[in-house]
Amino acid sequence: MPSSTSANLISPISDLRMTPSHSRTHEPVVFEPEYLEGVRDIFERKIVFNQTLGLKITDIQPASVTATIQMRDDLIGHYSHRRVHGGVISACIDTIGAVACFVALGARHMDESPARRLERFQKLATIDLRVDYLRRGQGSHFNIRAEAVRVGSRVGNARIEFTAADGSLVSTGTGAYIMS
């Protein structure tokens, strides 16, 4: 049986080639700077709760997204152990899972303008979220990585990992999101 270290729980998808839904070619998707900035603007600045969390998107690929948050006193859930609150973990897992599905859908519609693809956010919402808390959330910062597992015409699904600064896996999650 293969080893299940935190480094390989989510399979690498960096070579995944998503194309517009009408296309049969396998050209790599390259997002425009305008689209990437628009995604960051929506999820880092326009959603005020994400500002409160200090959520910063660090990488956007056609079917995966990574982000980080810095540990701060106002994110502590257990005061005597200085652990990050479970609600912070679940909110980050939910948000970055949604972003992964959102950009995967955008990658399927490269025939549309960046502005049109960003408008699709208006229909995005969480249907279901499962979070498994595996160990204490302690550290200077945390990294969140989500992979869009499947994005259909109406529903998207993602797998998400929440890791501490030392790389230890703190929590995992799966999310289902309405896309249209």
N, C-alpha and C. Protein backbone atom coordinates (compact mmCIF):
# COMPACT_ATOMS: atom_id res chain seq x y z
N MET A 1 0.85 -1.18 0.00
CA MET A 1 0.00 0.00 0.00
C MET A 1 0.90 1.24 0.00
N PRO A 2 0.59 2.25 -0.85
CA PRO A 2 1.43 3.43 -0.90
C PRO A 2 1.40 4.22 0.39
N SER A 3 2.50 4.89 0.66
CA SER A 3 2.61 5.75 1.83
C SER A 3 1.67 6.94 1.68
N SER A 4 1.09 7.40 2.78
CA SER A 4 0.19 8.56 2.71
C SER A 4 0.76 9.70 3.54
N THR A 5 1.90 10.23 3.09
CA THR A 5 2.47 11.39 3.77
C THR A 5 1.70 12.63 3.37
N SER A 6 1.86 13.68 4.16
CA SER A 6 1.13 14.91 3.87
C SER A 6 1.51 15.50 2.52
N ALA A 7 2.70 15.19 2.04
CA ALA A 7 3.14 15.75 0.76
C ALA A 7 2.42 15.14 -0.42
N ASN A 8 1.84 13.96 -0.26
CA ASN A 8 1.22 13.34 -1.43
C ASN A 8 -0.26 13.00 -1.24
N LEU A 9 -0.92 13.58 -0.27
CA LEU A 9 -2.34 13.29 -0.10
C LEU A 9 -3.16 13.82 -1.26
N ILE A 10 -2.79 14.99 -1.78
CA ILE A 10 -3.43 15.51 -2.97
C ILE A 10 -2.47 15.26 -4.11
N SER A 11 -2.94 14.57 -5.13
CA SER A 11 -2.06 14.22 -6.24
C SER A 11 -1.62 15.47 -6.99
N PRO A 12 -0.39 15.44 -7.52
CA PRO A 12 0.06 16.61 -8.27
C PRO A 12 -0.77 16.78 -9.53
N ILE A 13 -1.14 18.01 -9.80
CA ILE A 13 -1.96 18.27 -10.98
C ILE A 13 -1.37 19.39 -11.82
N SER A 14 -0.11 19.71 -11.59
CA SER A 14 0.49 20.84 -12.29
C SER A 14 0.52 20.65 -13.79
N ASP A 15 0.46 19.40 -14.27
CA ASP A 15 0.50 19.19 -15.71
C ASP A 15 -0.90 19.02 -16.30
N LEU A 16 -1.94 19.22 -15.49
CA LEU A 16 -3.31 19.11 -15.97
C LEU A 16 -3.59 20.17 -17.01
N ARG A 17 -4.17 19.79 -18.12
CA ARG A 17 -4.49 20.72 -19.20
C ARG A 17 -5.99 20.85 -19.34
N MET A 18 -6.55 21.93 -18.82
CA MET A 18 -7.98 22.16 -18.96
C MET A 18 -8.18 23.07 -20.16
N THR A 19 -9.18 22.79 -20.97
CA THR A 19 -9.42 23.57 -22.17
C THR A 19 -10.86 24.06 -22.20
N PRO A 20 -11.15 25.03 -23.08
CA PRO A 20 -12.54 25.47 -23.20
C PRO A 20 -13.43 24.28 -23.52
N SER A 21 -14.67 24.34 -23.05
CA SER A 21 -15.57 23.20 -23.17
C SER A 21 -15.82 22.80 -24.62
N HIS A 22 -15.68 23.72 -25.56
CA HIS A 22 -15.93 23.39 -26.96
C HIS A 22 -14.68 22.90 -27.68
N SER A 23 -13.52 22.98 -27.04
CA SER A 23 -12.25 22.68 -27.70
C SER A 23 -11.83 21.24 -27.45
N ARG A 24 -11.17 20.65 -28.44
CA ARG A 24 -10.64 19.31 -28.29
C ARG A 24 -9.11 19.31 -28.22
N THR A 25 -8.48 20.48 -28.27
CA THR A 25 -7.03 20.57 -28.19
C THR A 25 -6.60 20.45 -26.74
N HIS A 26 -5.32 20.21 -26.55
CA HIS A 26 -4.78 20.09 -25.20
C HIS A 26 -3.70 21.13 -24.96
N GLU A 27 -3.99 22.36 -25.34
CA GLU A 27 -3.06 23.45 -25.09
C GLU A 27 -3.13 23.83 -23.62
N PRO A 28 -1.97 24.14 -23.02
CA PRO A 28 -2.00 24.56 -21.61
C PRO A 28 -2.77 25.86 -21.44
N VAL A 29 -3.47 25.97 -20.33
CA VAL A 29 -4.21 27.18 -20.02
C VAL A 29 -3.26 28.17 -19.36
N VAL A 30 -3.24 29.37 -19.89
CA VAL A 30 -2.47 30.46 -19.29
C VAL A 30 -3.45 31.59 -19.02
N PHE A 31 -3.67 31.87 -17.73
CA PHE A 31 -4.59 32.93 -17.35
C PHE A 31 -3.97 34.30 -17.60
N GLU A 32 -4.80 35.25 -18.01
CA GLU A 32 -4.37 36.62 -18.21
C GLU A 32 -4.13 37.27 -16.85
N PRO A 33 -3.17 38.21 -16.78
CA PRO A 33 -2.94 38.94 -15.52
C PRO A 33 -4.22 39.61 -15.00
N GLU A 34 -5.06 40.11 -15.90
CA GLU A 34 -6.32 40.75 -15.51
C GLU A 34 -7.23 39.76 -14.77
N TYR A 35 -7.29 38.52 -15.26
CA TYR A 35 -8.12 37.50 -14.62
C TYR A 35 -7.55 37.13 -13.25
N LEU A 36 -6.24 36.90 -13.19
CA LEU A 36 -5.61 36.53 -11.92
C LEU A 36 -5.81 37.63 -10.87
N GLU A 37 -5.65 38.88 -11.27
CA GLU A 37 -5.86 39.99 -10.34
C GLU A 37 -7.33 40.07 -9.93
N GLY A 38 -8.23 39.80 -10.86
CA GLY A 38 -9.65 39.80 -10.54
C GLY A 38 -10.02 38.74 -9.52
N VAL A 39 -9.45 37.53 -9.66
CA VAL A 39 -9.69 36.45 -8.69
C VAL A 39 -9.19 36.88 -7.32
N ARG A 40 -7.98 37.42 -7.28
CA ARG A 40 -7.43 37.87 -5.98
C ARG A 40 -8.28 39.00 -5.39
N ASP A 41 -8.73 39.91 -6.23
CA ASP A 41 -9.55 41.02 -5.74
C ASP A 41 -10.84 40.51 -5.11
N ILE A 42 -11.50 39.57 -5.77
CA ILE A 42 -12.74 39.02 -5.23
C ILE A 42 -12.51 38.33 -3.89
N PHE A 43 -11.54 37.40 -3.86
CA PHE A 43 -11.39 36.53 -2.69
C PHE A 43 -10.55 37.13 -1.57
N GLU A 44 -9.66 38.07 -1.87
CA GLU A 44 -8.84 38.66 -0.82
C GLU A 44 -9.39 40.00 -0.31
N ARG A 45 -10.04 40.76 -1.18
CA ARG A 45 -10.45 42.11 -0.80
C ARG A 45 -11.95 42.32 -0.73
N LYS A 46 -12.69 41.82 -1.68
CA LYS A 46 -14.13 42.08 -1.70
C LYS A 46 -14.90 41.24 -0.69
N ILE A 47 -14.40 40.08 -0.36
CA ILE A 47 -15.02 39.27 0.70
C ILE A 47 -14.35 39.68 2.01
N VAL A 48 -15.02 40.53 2.75
CA VAL A 48 -14.43 41.17 3.92
C VAL A 48 -13.99 40.14 4.97
N PHE A 49 -14.74 39.07 5.12
CA PHE A 49 -14.35 38.05 6.10
C PHE A 49 -12.97 37.48 5.77
N ASN A 50 -12.67 37.31 4.49
CA ASN A 50 -11.34 36.81 4.11
C ASN A 50 -10.25 37.81 4.47
N GLN A 51 -10.57 39.10 4.44
CA GLN A 51 -9.63 40.12 4.92
C GLN A 51 -9.37 39.93 6.41
N THR A 52 -10.44 39.66 7.15
CA THR A 52 -10.32 39.43 8.60
C THR A 52 -9.39 38.25 8.88
N LEU A 53 -9.52 37.20 8.07
CA LEU A 53 -8.65 36.03 8.22
C LEU A 53 -7.21 36.33 7.82
N GLY A 54 -7.04 37.31 6.95
CA GLY A 54 -5.71 37.59 6.41
C GLY A 54 -5.33 36.63 5.30
N LEU A 55 -6.33 36.08 4.63
CA LEU A 55 -6.12 35.08 3.58
C LEU A 55 -5.46 35.71 2.36
N LYS A 56 -4.35 35.13 1.91
CA LYS A 56 -3.61 35.60 0.74
C LYS A 56 -3.41 34.44 -0.23
N ILE A 57 -3.86 34.61 -1.45
CA ILE A 57 -3.67 33.59 -2.49
C ILE A 57 -2.25 33.71 -3.00
N THR A 58 -1.52 32.60 -2.98
CA THR A 58 -0.11 32.62 -3.38
C THR A 58 0.13 32.02 -4.77
N ASP A 59 -0.78 31.18 -5.24
CA ASP A 59 -0.61 30.58 -6.57
C ASP A 59 -1.97 30.17 -7.12
N ILE A 60 -2.16 30.43 -8.40
CA ILE A 60 -3.40 30.05 -9.08
C ILE A 60 -3.02 29.28 -10.34
N GLN A 61 -3.49 28.05 -10.42
CA GLN A 61 -3.30 27.20 -11.59
C GLN A 61 -4.69 26.81 -12.11
N PRO A 62 -4.77 26.22 -13.31
CA PRO A 62 -6.09 25.91 -13.89
C PRO A 62 -6.99 25.02 -13.03
N ALA A 63 -6.44 24.21 -12.15
CA ALA A 63 -7.29 23.36 -11.32
C ALA A 63 -6.83 23.29 -9.87
N SER A 64 -5.94 24.19 -9.48
CA SER A 64 -5.50 24.19 -8.08
C SER A 64 -5.14 25.60 -7.65
N VAL A 65 -5.26 25.82 -6.35
CA VAL A 65 -4.97 27.13 -5.77
C VAL A 65 -4.26 26.90 -4.44
N THR A 66 -3.29 27.75 -4.14
CA THR A 66 -2.66 27.72 -2.83
C THR A 66 -2.80 29.10 -2.20
N ALA A 67 -2.84 29.10 -0.87
CA ALA A 67 -3.00 30.34 -0.13
C ALA A 67 -2.30 30.20 1.21
N THR A 68 -2.20 31.29 1.93
CA THR A 68 -1.57 31.29 3.24
C THR A 68 -2.29 32.26 4.17
N ILE A 69 -2.19 31.99 5.46
CA ILE A 69 -2.60 32.96 6.48
C ILE A 69 -1.51 32.99 7.54
N GLN A 70 -1.29 34.17 8.11
CA GLN A 70 -0.33 34.33 9.20
C GLN A 70 -1.07 34.12 10.52
N MET A 71 -0.46 33.41 11.45
CA MET A 71 -1.06 33.23 12.76
C MET A 71 -1.02 34.56 13.50
N ARG A 72 -2.16 34.91 14.09
CA ARG A 72 -2.27 36.14 14.88
C ARG A 72 -3.06 35.81 16.15
N ASP A 73 -2.94 36.66 17.14
CA ASP A 73 -3.65 36.44 18.40
C ASP A 73 -5.16 36.37 18.21
N ASP A 74 -5.71 37.14 17.27
CA ASP A 74 -7.16 37.13 17.10
C ASP A 74 -7.67 35.91 16.34
N LEU A 75 -6.79 34.99 15.96
CA LEU A 75 -7.20 33.73 15.33
C LEU A 75 -7.10 32.54 16.29
N ILE A 76 -6.68 32.80 17.51
CA ILE A 76 -6.49 31.74 18.50
C ILE A 76 -7.83 31.19 18.95
N GLY A 77 -7.92 29.86 18.98
CA GLY A 77 -9.12 29.20 19.46
C GLY A 77 -8.94 28.63 20.86
N HIS A 78 -7.73 28.22 21.19
CA HIS A 78 -7.46 27.66 22.51
C HIS A 78 -6.35 28.50 23.14
N TYR A 79 -6.73 29.37 24.05
CA TYR A 79 -5.81 30.38 24.57
C TYR A 79 -4.59 29.81 25.28
N SER A 80 -4.73 28.70 25.97
CA SER A 80 -3.58 28.20 26.72
C SER A 80 -2.58 27.46 25.83
N HIS A 81 -3.01 27.03 24.65
CA HIS A 81 -2.10 26.32 23.74
C HIS A 81 -1.78 27.12 22.48
N ARG A 82 -2.40 28.28 22.32
CA ARG A 82 -2.18 29.15 21.16
C ARG A 82 -2.42 28.42 19.83
N ARG A 83 -3.50 27.65 19.78
CA ARG A 83 -3.89 26.95 18.56
C ARG A 83 -4.83 27.82 17.74
N VAL A 84 -4.74 27.68 16.42
CA VAL A 84 -5.67 28.38 15.55
C VAL A 84 -7.07 27.80 15.76
N HIS A 85 -8.07 28.65 15.71
CA HIS A 85 -9.45 28.25 15.92
C HIS A 85 -9.92 27.34 14.78
N GLY A 86 -10.70 26.33 15.11
CA GLY A 86 -11.23 25.41 14.10
C GLY A 86 -12.09 26.10 13.06
N GLY A 87 -12.78 27.16 13.46
CA GLY A 87 -13.59 27.91 12.50
C GLY A 87 -12.74 28.62 11.46
N VAL A 88 -11.54 29.06 11.85
CA VAL A 88 -10.61 29.66 10.90
C VAL A 88 -10.18 28.61 9.89
N ILE A 89 -9.87 27.42 10.38
CA ILE A 89 -9.47 26.32 9.50
C ILE A 89 -10.57 26.01 8.50
N SER A 90 -11.80 25.83 8.99
CA SER A 90 -12.89 25.45 8.09
C SER A 90 -13.20 26.57 7.10
N ALA A 91 -13.12 27.83 7.53
CA ALA A 91 -13.37 28.94 6.62
C ALA A 91 -12.32 28.98 5.51
N CYS A 92 -11.07 28.75 5.86
CA CYS A 92 -10.00 28.73 4.85
C CYS A 92 -10.18 27.57 3.89
N ILE A 93 -10.51 26.41 4.41
CA ILE A 93 -10.74 25.23 3.57
C ILE A 93 -11.89 25.48 2.61
N ASP A 94 -12.97 26.03 3.12
CA ASP A 94 -14.13 26.33 2.28
C ASP A 94 -13.77 27.33 1.18
N THR A 95 -13.14 28.41 1.55
CA THR A 95 -12.83 29.47 0.59
C THR A 95 -11.89 29.00 -0.50
N ILE A 96 -10.80 28.35 -0.13
CA ILE A 96 -9.82 27.96 -1.15
C ILE A 96 -10.34 26.81 -2.01
N GLY A 97 -11.19 25.95 -1.46
CA GLY A 97 -11.87 24.95 -2.29
C GLY A 97 -12.75 25.60 -3.33
N ALA A 98 -13.47 26.65 -2.93
CA ALA A 98 -14.33 27.38 -3.87
C ALA A 98 -13.49 28.07 -4.94
N VAL A 99 -12.36 28.66 -4.55
CA VAL A 99 -11.50 29.32 -5.53
C VAL A 99 -10.99 28.32 -6.56
N ALA A 100 -10.58 27.13 -6.10
CA ALA A 100 -10.07 26.11 -7.03
C ALA A 100 -11.14 25.73 -8.05
N CYS A 101 -12.36 25.54 -7.61
CA CYS A 101 -13.45 25.20 -8.55
C CYS A 101 -13.75 26.38 -9.47
N PHE A 102 -13.71 27.59 -8.92
CA PHE A 102 -13.97 28.79 -9.70
C PHE A 102 -12.95 28.95 -10.83
N VAL A 103 -11.66 28.79 -10.53
CA VAL A 103 -10.66 28.96 -11.59
C VAL A 103 -10.67 27.78 -12.56
N ALA A 104 -11.02 26.58 -12.08
CA ALA A 104 -11.14 25.44 -12.99
C ALA A 104 -12.26 25.69 -14.00
N LEU A 105 -13.36 26.27 -13.52
CA LEU A 105 -14.44 26.63 -14.44
C LEU A 105 -13.97 27.72 -15.41
N GLY A 106 -13.24 28.69 -14.90
CA GLY A 106 -12.69 29.73 -15.75
C GLY A 106 -11.78 29.17 -16.83
N ALA A 107 -11.00 28.14 -16.47
CA ALA A 107 -10.09 27.50 -17.43
C ALA A 107 -10.85 26.80 -18.55
N ARG A 108 -12.05 26.35 -18.26
CA ARG A 108 -12.87 25.70 -19.29
C ARG A 108 -13.51 26.70 -20.24
N HIS A 109 -13.48 27.97 -19.87
CA HIS A 109 -14.15 29.00 -20.67
C HIS A 109 -13.17 30.09 -21.11
N MET A 110 -12.00 29.67 -21.58
CA MET A 110 -10.99 30.63 -22.02
C MET A 110 -11.42 31.39 -23.28
N ASP A 111 -12.49 30.92 -23.91
CA ASP A 111 -13.03 31.64 -25.07
C ASP A 111 -13.78 32.91 -24.65
N GLU A 112 -14.07 33.04 -23.35
CA GLU A 112 -14.75 34.22 -22.83
C GLU A 112 -13.71 35.25 -22.36
N SER A 113 -14.14 36.49 -22.25
CA SER A 113 -13.26 37.54 -21.75
C SER A 113 -12.98 37.30 -20.25
N PRO A 114 -11.87 37.83 -19.74
CA PRO A 114 -11.61 37.71 -18.29
C PRO A 114 -12.76 38.28 -17.46
N ALA A 115 -13.32 39.40 -17.90
CA ALA A 115 -14.43 40.01 -17.15
C ALA A 115 -15.63 39.07 -17.09
N ARG A 116 -15.95 38.42 -18.18
CA ARG A 116 -17.09 37.48 -18.22
C ARG A 116 -16.83 36.29 -17.31
N ARG A 117 -15.62 35.76 -17.34
CA ARG A 117 -15.30 34.63 -16.46
C ARG A 117 -15.38 35.03 -15.01
N LEU A 118 -15.00 36.26 -14.67
CA LEU A 118 -15.08 36.73 -13.29
C LEU A 118 -16.53 36.93 -12.85
N GLU A 119 -17.42 37.25 -13.78
CA GLU A 119 -18.84 37.40 -13.44
C GLU A 119 -19.45 36.09 -12.94
N ARG A 120 -18.86 34.98 -13.31
CA ARG A 120 -19.38 33.68 -12.88
C ARG A 120 -19.36 33.53 -11.36
N PHE A 121 -18.58 34.37 -10.67
CA PHE A 121 -18.53 34.34 -9.21
C PHE A 121 -19.91 34.57 -8.60
N GLN A 122 -20.76 35.33 -9.28
CA GLN A 122 -22.08 35.67 -8.75
C GLN A 122 -22.91 34.43 -8.43
N LYS A 123 -22.63 33.32 -9.09
CA LYS A 123 -23.42 32.09 -8.88
C LYS A 123 -22.73 31.08 -7.98
N LEU A 124 -21.53 31.36 -7.52
CA LEU A 124 -20.75 30.42 -6.73
C LEU A 124 -21.24 30.39 -5.28
N ALA A 125 -21.49 29.19 -4.75
CA ALA A 125 -21.90 29.04 -3.35
C ALA A 125 -21.55 27.63 -2.88
N THR A 126 -21.32 27.49 -1.59
CA THR A 126 -21.01 26.19 -1.00
C THR A 126 -22.29 25.38 -0.82
N ILE A 127 -22.25 24.13 -1.27
CA ILE A 127 -23.37 23.20 -1.08
C ILE A 127 -23.09 22.31 0.13
N ASP A 128 -21.85 21.82 0.21
CA ASP A 128 -21.50 20.87 1.27
C ASP A 128 -20.03 21.03 1.59
N LEU A 129 -19.68 20.87 2.86
CA LEU A 129 -18.29 20.98 3.29
C LEU A 129 -18.04 19.96 4.38
N ARG A 130 -16.96 19.23 4.23
CA ARG A 130 -16.52 18.30 5.27
C ARG A 130 -15.11 18.67 5.66
N VAL A 131 -14.85 18.79 6.95
CA VAL A 131 -13.52 19.11 7.45
C VAL A 131 -13.13 18.05 8.47
N ASP A 132 -11.93 17.51 8.30
CA ASP A 132 -11.37 16.57 9.27
C ASP A 132 -10.19 17.25 9.95
N TYR A 133 -10.28 17.40 11.27
CA TYR A 133 -9.22 18.01 12.06
C TYR A 133 -8.29 16.90 12.51
N LEU A 134 -7.04 16.93 12.06
CA LEU A 134 -6.13 15.82 12.28
C LEU A 134 -5.13 16.05 13.40
N ARG A 135 -4.71 17.30 13.58
CA ARG A 135 -3.78 17.62 14.67
C ARG A 135 -3.88 19.09 15.01
N ARG A 136 -3.19 19.49 16.06
CA ARG A 136 -3.24 20.87 16.53
C ARG A 136 -2.77 21.84 15.45
N GLY A 137 -3.45 22.95 15.35
CA GLY A 137 -3.06 24.01 14.43
C GLY A 137 -2.17 25.01 15.11
N GLN A 138 -0.87 24.73 15.13
CA GLN A 138 0.08 25.63 15.76
C GLN A 138 1.19 25.95 14.77
N GLY A 139 1.64 27.21 14.81
CA GLY A 139 2.73 27.63 13.94
C GLY A 139 2.65 29.11 13.62
N SER A 140 3.64 29.59 12.90
CA SER A 140 3.71 31.02 12.57
C SER A 140 2.75 31.37 11.43
N HIS A 141 2.50 30.41 10.58
CA HIS A 141 1.57 30.61 9.46
C HIS A 141 1.05 29.25 9.01
N PHE A 142 0.04 29.30 8.14
CA PHE A 142 -0.57 28.07 7.63
C PHE A 142 -0.74 28.20 6.13
N ASN A 143 -0.62 27.07 5.44
CA ASN A 143 -0.79 27.02 4.00
C ASN A 143 -2.02 26.20 3.68
N ILE A 144 -2.74 26.63 2.66
CA ILE A 144 -3.95 25.93 2.24
C ILE A 144 -3.79 25.64 0.76
N ARG A 145 -4.04 24.39 0.37
CA ARG A 145 -3.96 24.01 -1.04
C ARG A 145 -5.23 23.25 -1.40
N ALA A 146 -5.83 23.65 -2.51
CA ALA A 146 -7.05 23.00 -2.97
C ALA A 146 -6.88 22.55 -4.40
N GLU A 147 -7.47 21.43 -4.70
CA GLU A 147 -7.49 20.86 -6.04
C GLU A 147 -8.94 20.68 -6.47
N ALA A 148 -9.28 21.21 -7.63
CA ALA A 148 -10.60 20.95 -8.19
C ALA A 148 -10.59 19.53 -8.73
N VAL A 149 -11.38 18.68 -8.11
CA VAL A 149 -11.42 17.26 -8.50
C VAL A 149 -12.33 17.08 -9.71
N ARG A 150 -13.47 17.76 -9.69
CA ARG A 150 -14.42 17.70 -10.80
C ARG A 150 -15.20 19.00 -10.83
N VAL A 151 -15.33 19.56 -12.02
CA VAL A 151 -16.16 20.74 -12.20
C VAL A 151 -17.08 20.47 -13.37
N GLY A 152 -18.36 20.30 -13.06
CA GLY A 152 -19.35 20.06 -14.10
C GLY A 152 -20.06 21.36 -14.46
N SER A 153 -21.15 21.22 -15.17
CA SER A 153 -21.88 22.42 -15.60
C SER A 153 -22.60 23.09 -14.43
N ARG A 154 -22.90 22.35 -13.35
CA ARG A 154 -23.62 22.93 -12.22
C ARG A 154 -22.89 22.82 -10.89
N VAL A 155 -22.10 21.76 -10.71
CA VAL A 155 -21.48 21.51 -9.41
C VAL A 155 -19.98 21.26 -9.58
N GLY A 156 -19.21 21.81 -8.65
CA GLY A 156 -17.77 21.55 -8.60
C GLY A 156 -17.41 20.91 -7.28
N ASN A 157 -16.40 20.06 -7.30
CA ASN A 157 -15.92 19.38 -6.09
C ASN A 157 -14.42 19.62 -5.93
N ALA A 158 -13.99 19.81 -4.67
CA ALA A 158 -12.58 20.07 -4.40
C ALA A 158 -12.12 19.28 -3.19
N ARG A 159 -10.80 18.97 -3.20
CA ARG A 159 -10.11 18.41 -2.03
C ARG A 159 -9.14 19.48 -1.54
N ILE A 160 -9.07 19.63 -0.23
CA ILE A 160 -8.29 20.73 0.34
C ILE A 160 -7.45 20.22 1.50
N GLU A 161 -6.22 20.79 1.61
CA GLU A 161 -5.34 20.51 2.74
C GLU A 161 -4.98 21.81 3.44
N PHE A 162 -4.92 21.77 4.76
CA PHE A 162 -4.52 22.89 5.60
C PHE A 162 -3.30 22.44 6.37
N THR A 163 -2.13 23.03 6.09
CA THR A 163 -0.89 22.58 6.71
C THR A 163 -0.25 23.68 7.53
N ALA A 164 0.51 23.27 8.54
CA ALA A 164 1.24 24.22 9.38
C ALA A 164 2.53 24.64 8.67
N ALA A 165 3.20 25.63 9.23
CA ALA A 165 4.43 26.17 8.64
C ALA A 165 5.50 25.09 8.45
N ASP A 166 5.52 24.10 9.34
CA ASP A 166 6.52 23.03 9.24
C ASP A 166 6.12 21.94 8.25
N GLY A 167 4.99 22.11 7.57
CA GLY A 167 4.53 21.15 6.57
C GLY A 167 3.62 20.07 7.12
N SER A 168 3.42 20.03 8.43
CA SER A 168 2.55 19.00 9.00
C SER A 168 1.09 19.26 8.61
N LEU A 169 0.41 18.19 8.29
CA LEU A 169 -0.99 18.26 7.88
C LEU A 169 -1.88 18.46 9.10
N VAL A 170 -2.57 19.58 9.15
CA VAL A 170 -3.43 19.93 10.29
C VAL A 170 -4.86 19.45 10.04
N SER A 171 -5.37 19.72 8.82
CA SER A 171 -6.75 19.36 8.48
C SER A 171 -6.86 19.08 6.99
N THR A 172 -7.86 18.29 6.67
CA THR A 172 -8.21 18.06 5.27
C THR A 172 -9.69 18.37 5.10
N GLY A 173 -10.08 18.62 3.88
CA GLY A 173 -11.49 18.90 3.63
C GLY A 173 -11.89 18.54 2.23
N THR A 174 -13.18 18.38 2.06
CA THR A 174 -13.76 18.24 0.73
C THR A 174 -14.95 19.19 0.69
N GLY A 175 -15.12 19.79 -0.48
CA GLY A 175 -16.21 20.74 -0.63
C GLY A 175 -16.95 20.51 -1.93
N ALA A 176 -18.23 20.81 -1.91
CA ALA A 176 -19.06 20.81 -3.12
C ALA A 176 -19.62 22.21 -3.27
N TYR A 177 -19.58 22.73 -4.50
CA TYR A 177 -19.93 24.11 -4.76
C TYR A 177 -20.87 24.20 -5.95
N ILE A 178 -21.93 25.00 -5.82
CA ILE A 178 -22.81 25.26 -6.94
C ILE A 178 -22.08 26.25 -7.85
N MET A 179 -22.06 25.95 -9.15
CA MET A 179 -21.29 26.75 -10.09
C MET A 179 -22.16 27.58 -11.03
N SER A 180 -23.44 27.24 -11.13
CA SER A 180 -24.30 27.98 -12.05
C SER A 180 -25.71 28.07 -11.51
